Amino acid sequence: MKTAISIDEKLLREADEAARRMGLSRRRLFALAIVEFLQRQRLNKVYANGLGPAEKRLLKKMKFKVARIVKESWWAKSVRDK
C-alpha cells in the first residue's frame, strides 16, 4: 500500500544514506524501522507490568548463580596469587 508522509529534509537524507550503506531501498528501510518500533512498543507494554512470579524466581536464581561464580573466581584468583 502506498502512503505519503512528511519528513524533515535532514532526516530524509540520513535515512537515504543509511539505506544506501545497508543496500536497502528507502521503502524497505522505513518498513523495517516501523516493524522495530512496533516490536519495542509491544515489549514496553509487556514489561510495564513488571515481572511475574515465575520471572522473579528465575531472576533470583540467576543472581545467586552469578554471585557464586564471581565469588569462586575471586577465591581462585586469590589462591593463585599467594
PDB file of N, CA and C in Angstrom:
ATOM      1  N   MET A   1       0.838  -1.162   0.000  1.00  0.00           N
ATOM      2  CA  MET A   1       0.000   0.000   0.000  1.00  0.00           C
ATOM      3  C   MET A   1       0.893   1.238   0.000  1.00  0.00           C
ATOM      4  N   LYS A   2       0.556   2.182  -0.781  1.00  0.00           N
ATOM      5  CA  LYS A   2       1.310   3.423  -0.851  1.00  0.00           C
ATOM      6  C   LYS A   2       0.722   4.432   0.114  1.00  0.00           C
ATOM      7  N   THR A   3       1.622   5.259   0.656  1.00  0.00           N
ATOM      8  CA  THR A   3       1.191   6.341   1.532  1.00  0.00           C
ATOM      9  C   THR A   3       2.169   7.499   1.375  1.00  0.00           C
ATOM     10  N   ALA A   4       1.761   8.657   1.737  1.00  0.00           N
ATOM     11  CA  ALA A   4       2.634   9.832   1.671  1.00  0.00           C
ATOM     12  C   ALA A   4       2.849  10.349   3.085  1.00  0.00           C
ATOM     13  N   ILE A   5       4.085  10.675   3.407  1.00  0.00           N
ATOM     14  CA  ILE A   5       4.401  11.236   4.716  1.00  0.00           C
ATOM     15  C   ILE A   5       5.327  12.430   4.532  1.00  0.00           C
ATOM     16  N   SER A   6       5.321  13.303   5.512  1.00  0.00           N
ATOM     17  CA  SER A   6       6.236  14.444   5.505  1.00  0.00           C
ATOM     18  C   SER A   6       7.348  14.167   6.498  1.00  0.00           C
ATOM     19  N   ILE A   7       8.582  14.333   6.040  1.00  0.00           N
ATOM     20  CA  ILE A   7       9.757  14.077   6.881  1.00  0.00           C
ATOM     21  C   ILE A   7      10.715  15.246   6.719  1.00  0.00           C
ATOM     22  N   ASP A   8      11.324  15.616   7.828  1.00  0.00           N
ATOM     23  CA  ASP A   8      12.343  16.653   7.809  1.00  0.00           C
ATOM     24  C   ASP A   8      13.419  16.284   6.775  1.00  0.00           C
ATOM     25  N   GLU A   9      13.851  17.269   6.016  1.00  0.00           N
ATOM     26  CA  GLU A   9      14.806  17.029   4.936  1.00  0.00           C
ATOM     27  C   GLU A   9      16.102  16.380   5.428  1.00  0.00           C
ATOM     28  N   LYS A  10      16.616  16.854   6.553  1.00  0.00           N
ATOM     29  CA  LYS A  10      17.862  16.288   7.092  1.00  0.00           C
ATOM     30  C   LYS A  10      17.669  14.818   7.467  1.00  0.00           C
ATOM     31  N   LEU A  11      16.553  14.506   8.107  1.00  0.00           N
ATOM     32  CA  LEU A  11      16.256  13.131   8.483  1.00  0.00           C
ATOM     33  C   LEU A  11      16.126  12.247   7.249  1.00  0.00           C
ATOM     34  N   LEU A  12      15.502  12.760   6.205  1.00  0.00           N
ATOM     35  CA  LEU A  12      15.354  12.003   4.970  1.00  0.00           C
ATOM     36  C   LEU A  12      16.712  11.716   4.341  1.00  0.00           C
ATOM     37  N   ARG A  13      17.604  12.707   4.354  1.00  0.00           N
ATOM     38  CA  ARG A  13      18.958  12.481   3.814  1.00  0.00           C
ATOM     39  C   ARG A  13      19.695  11.418   4.615  1.00  0.00           C
ATOM     40  N   GLU A  14      19.559  11.476   5.943  1.00  0.00           N
ATOM     41  CA  GLU A  14      20.196  10.466   6.796  1.00  0.00           C
ATOM     42  C   GLU A  14      19.618   9.075   6.517  1.00  0.00           C
ATOM     43  N   ALA A  15      18.313   9.006   6.338  1.00  0.00           N
ATOM     44  CA  ALA A  15      17.666   7.728   6.041  1.00  0.00           C
ATOM     45  C   ALA A  15      18.136   7.195   4.689  1.00  0.00           C
ATOM     46  N   ASP A  16      18.218   8.067   3.707  1.00  0.00           N
ATOM     47  CA  ASP A  16      18.697   7.641   2.388  1.00  0.00           C
ATOM     48  C   ASP A  16      20.125   7.121   2.467  1.00  0.00           C
ATOM     49  N   GLU A  17      20.966   7.803   3.233  1.00  0.00           N
ATOM     50  CA  GLU A  17      22.357   7.370   3.381  1.00  0.00           C
ATOM     51  C   GLU A  17      22.432   6.023   4.098  1.00  0.00           C
ATOM     52  N   ALA A  18      21.656   5.866   5.146  1.00  0.00           N
ATOM     53  CA  ALA A  18      21.633   4.591   5.868  1.00  0.00           C
ATOM     54  C   ALA A  18      21.147   3.466   4.957  1.00  0.00           C
ATOM     55  N   ALA A  19      20.109   3.723   4.196  1.00  0.00           N
ATOM     56  CA  ALA A  19      19.585   2.707   3.273  1.00  0.00           C
ATOM     57  C   ALA A  19      20.647   2.332   2.244  1.00  0.00           C
ATOM     58  N   ARG A  20      21.343   3.334   1.720  1.00  0.00           N
ATOM     59  CA  ARG A  20      22.396   3.067   0.741  1.00  0.00           C
ATOM     60  C   ARG A  20      23.495   2.188   1.344  1.00  0.00           C
ATOM     61  N   ARG A  21      23.948   2.546   2.554  1.00  0.00           N
ATOM     62  CA  ARG A  21      25.010   1.765   3.219  1.00  0.00           C
ATOM     63  C   ARG A  21      24.578   0.332   3.467  1.00  0.00           C
ATOM     64  N   MET A  22      23.299   0.146   3.771  1.00  0.00           N
ATOM     65  CA  MET A  22      22.785  -1.182   4.089  1.00  0.00           C
ATOM     66  C   MET A  22      22.339  -1.952   2.851  1.00  0.00           C
ATOM     67  N   GLY A  23      22.374  -1.304   1.714  1.00  0.00           N
ATOM     68  CA  GLY A  23      21.941  -1.966   0.488  1.00  0.00           C
ATOM     69  C   GLY A  23      20.432  -2.177   0.429  1.00  0.00           C
ATOM     70  N   LEU A  24      19.691  -1.245   1.029  1.00  0.00           N
ATOM     71  CA  LEU A  24      18.236  -1.341   1.066  1.00  0.00           C
ATOM     72  C   LEU A  24      17.615  -0.196   0.289  1.00  0.00           C
ATOM     73  N   SER A  25      16.403  -0.401  -0.121  1.00  0.00           N
ATOM     74  CA  SER A  25      15.643   0.716  -0.684  1.00  0.00           C
ATOM     75  C   SER A  25      15.143   1.569   0.480  1.00  0.00           C
ATOM     76  N   ARG A  26      14.800   2.799   0.199  1.00  0.00           N
ATOM     77  CA  ARG A  26      14.233   3.676   1.230  1.00  0.00           C
ATOM     78  C   ARG A  26      12.950   3.045   1.776  1.00  0.00           C
ATOM     79  N   ARG A  27      12.145   2.506   0.886  1.00  0.00           N
ATOM     80  CA  ARG A  27      10.885   1.868   1.278  1.00  0.00           C
ATOM     81  C   ARG A  27      11.132   0.738   2.280  1.00  0.00           C
ATOM     82  N   ARG A  28      12.135  -0.093   1.993  1.00  0.00           N
ATOM     83  CA  ARG A  28      12.451  -1.221   2.878  1.00  0.00           C
ATOM     84  C   ARG A  28      12.982  -0.722   4.227  1.00  0.00           C
ATOM     85  N   LEU A  29      13.822   0.299   4.205  1.00  0.00           N
ATOM     86  CA  LEU A  29      14.346   0.867   5.444  1.00  0.00           C
ATOM     87  C   LEU A  29      13.206   1.365   6.327  1.00  0.00           C
ATOM     88  N   PHE A  30      12.275   2.114   5.747  1.00  0.00           N
ATOM     89  CA  PHE A  30      11.153   2.622   6.523  1.00  0.00           C
ATOM     90  C   PHE A  30      10.299   1.476   7.066  1.00  0.00           C
ATOM     91  N   ALA A  31      10.069   0.461   6.255  1.00  0.00           N
ATOM     92  CA  ALA A  31       9.263  -0.681   6.706  1.00  0.00           C
ATOM     93  C   ALA A  31       9.945  -1.376   7.884  1.00  0.00           C
ATOM     94  N   LEU A  32      11.258  -1.589   7.796  1.00  0.00           N
ATOM     95  CA  LEU A  32      11.995  -2.225   8.892  1.00  0.00           C
ATOM     96  C   LEU A  32      11.961  -1.359  10.156  1.00  0.00           C
ATOM     97  N   ALA A  33      12.088  -0.055   9.976  1.00  0.00           N
ATOM     98  CA  ALA A  33      12.062   0.854  11.122  1.00  0.00           C
ATOM     99  C   ALA A  33      10.706   0.802  11.827  1.00  0.00           C
ATOM    100  N   ILE A  34       9.642   0.734  11.067  1.00  0.00           N
ATOM    101  CA  ILE A  34       8.308   0.683  11.658  1.00  0.00           C
ATOM    102  C   ILE A  34       8.099  -0.639  12.388  1.00  0.00           C
ATOM    103  N   VAL A  35       8.551  -1.732  11.784  1.00  0.00           N
ATOM    104  CA  VAL A  35       8.432  -3.045  12.435  1.00  0.00           C
ATOM    105  C   VAL A  35       9.181  -3.032  13.764  1.00  0.00           C
ATOM    106  N   GLU A  36      10.403  -2.519  13.768  1.00  0.00           N
ATOM    107  CA  GLU A  36      11.184  -2.471  15.004  1.00  0.00           C
ATOM    108  C   GLU A  36      10.504  -1.588  16.052  1.00  0.00           C
ATOM    109  N   PHE A  37      10.004  -0.445  15.633  1.00  0.00           N
ATOM    110  CA  PHE A  37       9.311   0.449  16.555  1.00  0.00           C
ATOM    111  C   PHE A  37       8.119  -0.253  17.200  1.00  0.00           C
ATOM    112  N   LEU A  38       7.311  -0.933  16.394  1.00  0.00           N
ATOM    113  CA  LEU A  38       6.127  -1.611  16.919  1.00  0.00           C
ATOM    114  C   LEU A  38       6.509  -2.754  17.861  1.00  0.00           C
ATOM    115  N   GLN A  39       7.577  -3.476  17.539  1.00  0.00           N
ATOM    116  CA  GLN A  39       8.041  -4.545  18.425  1.00  0.00           C
ATOM    117  C   GLN A  39       8.473  -3.974  19.773  1.00  0.00           C
ATOM    118  N   ARG A  40       9.180  -2.857  19.756  1.00  0.00           N
ATOM    119  CA  ARG A  40       9.596  -2.224  21.012  1.00  0.00           C
ATOM    120  C   ARG A  40       8.392  -1.757  21.821  1.00  0.00           C
ATOM    121  N   GLN A  41       7.383  -1.232  21.139  1.00  0.00           N
ATOM    122  CA  GLN A  41       6.176  -0.799  21.838  1.00  0.00           C
ATOM    123  C   GLN A  41       5.502  -1.983  22.513  1.00  0.00           C
ATOM    124  N   ARG A  42       5.441  -3.123  21.827  1.00  0.00           N
ATOM    125  CA  ARG A  42       4.837  -4.324  22.419  1.00  0.00           C
ATOM    126  C   ARG A  42       5.628  -4.777  23.630  1.00  0.00           C
ATOM    127  N   LEU A  43       6.965  -4.800  23.499  1.00  0.00           N
ATOM    128  CA  LEU A  43       7.804  -5.203  24.630  1.00  0.00           C
ATOM    129  C   LEU A  43       7.647  -4.250  25.806  1.00  0.00           C
ATOM    130  N   ASN A  44       7.594  -2.959  25.520  1.00  0.00           N
ATOM    131  CA  ASN A  44       7.397  -1.978  26.593  1.00  0.00           C
ATOM    132  C   ASN A  44       6.093  -2.250  27.331  1.00  0.00           C
ATOM    133  N   LYS A  45       5.061  -2.600  26.581  1.00  0.00           N
ATOM    134  CA  LYS A  45       3.763  -2.877  27.193  1.00  0.00           C
ATOM    135  C   LYS A  45       3.845  -4.130  28.071  1.00  0.00           C
ATOM    136  N   VAL A  46       4.537  -5.152  27.578  1.00  0.00           N
ATOM    137  CA  VAL A  46       4.683  -6.396  28.337  1.00  0.00           C
ATOM    138  C   VAL A  46       5.442  -6.144  29.637  1.00  0.00           C
ATOM    139  N   TYR A  47       6.553  -5.411  29.548  1.00  0.00           N
ATOM    140  CA  TYR A  47       7.389  -5.200  30.728  1.00  0.00           C
ATOM    141  C   TYR A  47       6.904  -4.076  31.630  1.00  0.00           C
ATOM    142  N   ALA A  48       5.949  -3.307  31.195  1.00  0.00           N
ATOM    143  CA  ALA A  48       5.424  -2.223  32.025  1.00  0.00           C
ATOM    144  C   ALA A  48       4.738  -2.761  33.272  1.00  0.00           C
ATOM    145  N   ASN A  49       4.231  -3.966  33.181  1.00  0.00           N
ATOM    146  CA  ASN A  49       3.540  -4.577  34.317  1.00  0.00           C
ATOM    147  C   ASN A  49       4.494  -5.235  35.307  1.00  0.00           C
ATOM    148  N   GLY A  50       5.777  -5.165  35.046  1.00  0.00           N
ATOM    149  CA  GLY A  50       6.746  -5.773  35.951  1.00  0.00           C
ATOM    150  C   GLY A  50       6.876  -7.265  35.722  1.00  0.00           C
ATOM    151  N   LEU A  51       7.673  -7.883  36.559  1.00  0.00           N
ATOM    152  CA  LEU A  51       7.911  -9.308  36.438  1.00  0.00           C
ATOM    153  C   LEU A  51       6.825 -10.103  37.142  1.00  0.00           C
ATOM    154  N   GLY A  52       6.490 -11.226  36.541  1.00  0.00           N
ATOM    155  CA  GLY A  52       5.554 -12.138  37.171  1.00  0.00           C
ATOM    156  C   GLY A  52       6.296 -13.032  38.151  1.00  0.00           C
ATOM    157  N   PRO A  53       5.577 -13.856  38.896  1.00  0.00           N
ATOM    158  CA  PRO A  53       6.220 -14.726  39.892  1.00  0.00           C
ATOM    159  C   PRO A  53       7.283 -15.653  39.297  1.00  0.00           C
ATOM    160  N   ALA A  54       7.013 -16.219  38.136  1.00  0.00           N
ATOM    161  CA  ALA A  54       7.998 -17.129  37.517  1.00  0.00           C
ATOM    162  C   ALA A  54       9.268 -16.384  37.128  1.00  0.00           C
ATOM    163  N   GLU A  55       9.106 -15.181  36.580  1.00  0.00           N
ATOM    164  CA  GLU A  55      10.272 -14.393  36.200  1.00  0.00           C
ATOM    165  C   GLU A  55      11.068 -13.965  37.424  1.00  0.00           C
ATOM    166  N   LYS A  56      10.373 -13.623  38.516  1.00  0.00           N
ATOM    167  CA  LYS A  56      11.062 -13.232  39.749  1.00  0.00           C
ATOM    168  C   LYS A  56      11.881 -14.380  40.313  1.00  0.00           C
ATOM    169  N   ARG A  57      11.329 -15.597  40.283  1.00  0.00           N
ATOM    170  CA  ARG A  57      12.079 -16.765  40.769  1.00  0.00           C
ATOM    171  C   ARG A  57      13.307 -17.013  39.904  1.00  0.00           C
ATOM    172  N   LEU A  58      13.126 -16.921  38.596  1.00  0.00           N
ATOM    173  CA  LEU A  58      14.246 -17.137  37.684  1.00  0.00           C
ATOM    174  C   LEU A  58      15.325 -16.080  37.897  1.00  0.00           C
ATOM    175  N   LEU A  59      14.937 -14.828  38.034  1.00  0.00           N
ATOM    176  CA  LEU A  59      15.894 -13.760  38.262  1.00  0.00           C
ATOM    177  C   LEU A  59      16.666 -13.982  39.562  1.00  0.00           C
ATOM    178  N   LYS A  60      15.985 -14.415  40.602  1.00  0.00           N
ATOM    179  CA  LYS A  60      16.642 -14.682  41.880  1.00  0.00           C
ATOM    180  C   LYS A  60      17.687 -15.791  41.726  1.00  0.00           C
ATOM    181  N   LYS A  61      17.341 -16.848  41.005  1.00  0.00           N
ATOM    182  CA  LYS A  61      18.281 -17.945  40.769  1.00  0.00           C
ATOM    183  C   LYS A  61      19.487 -17.469  39.961  1.00  0.00           C
ATOM    184  N   MET A  62      19.225 -16.640  38.944  1.00  0.00           N
ATOM    185  CA  MET A  62      20.316 -16.126  38.113  1.00  0.00           C
ATOM    186  C   MET A  62      21.265 -15.261  38.938  1.00  0.00           C
ATOM    187  N   LYS A  63      20.712 -14.394  39.783  1.00  0.00           N
ATOM    188  CA  LYS A  63      21.548 -13.538  40.627  1.00  0.00           C
ATOM    189  C   LYS A  63      22.398 -14.376  41.568  1.00  0.00           C
ATOM    190  N   PHE A  64      21.803 -15.420  42.152  1.00  0.00           N
ATOM    191  CA  PHE A  64      22.536 -16.297  43.055  1.00  0.00           C
ATOM    192  C   PHE A  64      23.686 -16.975  42.318  1.00  0.00           C
ATOM    193  N   LYS A  65      23.408 -17.483  41.126  1.00  0.00           N
ATOM    194  CA  LYS A  65      24.440 -18.184  40.360  1.00  0.00           C
ATOM    195  C   LYS A  65      25.573 -17.232  39.972  1.00  0.00           C
ATOM    196  N   VAL A  66      25.236 -16.033  39.522  1.00  0.00           N
ATOM    197  CA  VAL A  66      26.269 -15.061  39.144  1.00  0.00           C
ATOM    198  C   VAL A  66      27.113 -14.702  40.361  1.00  0.00           C
ATOM    199  N   ALA A  67      26.478 -14.490  41.502  1.00  0.00           N
ATOM    200  CA  ALA A  67      27.217 -14.152  42.719  1.00  0.00           C
ATOM    201  C   ALA A  67      28.165 -15.289  43.097  1.00  0.00           C
ATOM    202  N   ARG A  68      27.710 -16.513  42.962  1.00  0.00           N
ATOM    203  CA  ARG A  68      28.551 -17.674  43.288  1.00  0.00           C
ATOM    204  C   ARG A  68      29.743 -17.759  42.339  1.00  0.00           C
ATOM    205  N   ILE A  69      29.508 -17.543  41.064  1.00  0.00           N
ATOM    206  CA  ILE A  69      30.598 -17.594  40.085  1.00  0.00           C
ATOM    207  C   ILE A  69      31.629 -16.509  40.370  1.00  0.00           C
ATOM    208  N   VAL A  70      31.144 -15.312  40.664  1.00  0.00           N
ATOM    209  CA  VAL A  70      32.059 -14.207  40.972  1.00  0.00           C
ATOM    210  C   VAL A  70      32.870 -14.527  42.214  1.00  0.00           C
ATOM    211  N   LYS A  71      32.212 -15.050  43.243  1.00  0.00           N
ATOM    212  CA  LYS A  71      32.901 -15.390  44.489  1.00  0.00           C
ATOM    213  C   LYS A  71      33.942 -16.482  44.240  1.00  0.00           C
ATOM    214  N   GLU A  72      33.573 -17.515  43.483  1.00  0.00           N
ATOM    215  CA  GLU A  72      34.515 -18.598  43.184  1.00  0.00           C
ATOM    216  C   GLU A  72      35.691 -18.096  42.367  1.00  0.00           C
ATOM    217  N   SER A  73      35.433 -17.208  41.407  1.00  0.00           N
ATOM    218  CA  SER A  73      36.511 -16.648  40.588  1.00  0.00           C
ATOM    219  C   SER A  73      37.453 -15.823  41.441  1.00  0.00           C
ATOM    220  N   TRP A  74      36.888 -15.011  42.330  1.00  0.00           N
ATOM    221  CA  TRP A  74      37.707 -14.188  43.217  1.00  0.00           C
ATOM    222  C   TRP A  74      38.552 -15.075  44.128  1.00  0.00           C
ATOM    223  N   TRP A  75      37.936 -16.135  44.685  1.00  0.00           N
ATOM    224  CA  TRP A  75      38.647 -17.029  45.585  1.00  0.00           C
ATOM    225  C   TRP A  75      39.769 -17.743  44.842  1.00  0.00           C
ATOM    226  N   ALA A  76      39.495 -18.247  43.649  1.00  0.00           N
ATOM    227  CA  ALA A  76      40.508 -18.944  42.856  1.00  0.00           C
ATOM    228  C   ALA A  76      41.656 -18.013  42.515  1.00  0.00           C
ATOM    229  N   LYS A  77      41.376 -16.776  42.182  1.00  0.00           N
ATOM    230  CA  LYS A  77      42.418 -15.811  41.855  1.00  0.00           C
ATOM    231  C   LYS A  77      43.259 -15.505  43.080  1.00  0.00           C
ATOM    232  N   SER A  78      42.616 -15.344  44.235  1.00  0.00           N
ATOM    233  CA  SER A  78      43.370 -15.015  45.438  1.00  0.00           C
ATOM    234  C   SER A  78      44.278 -16.168  45.845  1.00  0.00           C
ATOM    235  N   VAL A  79      43.852 -17.410  45.621  1.00  0.00           N
ATOM    236  CA  VAL A  79      44.680 -18.577  45.941  1.00  0.00           C
ATOM    237  C   VAL A  79      45.866 -18.642  44.984  1.00  0.00           C
ATOM    238  N   ARG A  80      45.635 -18.373  43.704  1.00  0.00           N
ATOM    239  CA  ARG A  80      46.728 -18.403  42.709  1.00  0.00           C
ATOM    240  C   ARG A  80      47.767 -17.334  43.006  1.00  0.00           C
ATOM    241  N   ASP A  81      47.326 -16.184  43.471  1.00  0.00           N
ATOM    242  CA  ASP A  81      48.229 -15.049  43.674  1.00  0.00           C
ATOM    243  C   ASP A  81      49.081 -15.203  44.929  1.00  0.00           C
ATOM    244  N   LYS A  82      48.785 -16.161  45.789  1.00  0.00           N
ATOM    245  CA  LYS A  82      49.563 -16.324  47.042  1.00  0.00           C
ATOM    246  C   LYS A  82      50.870 -16.988  46.800  1.00  0.00           C
TER     247      LYS A  82
END
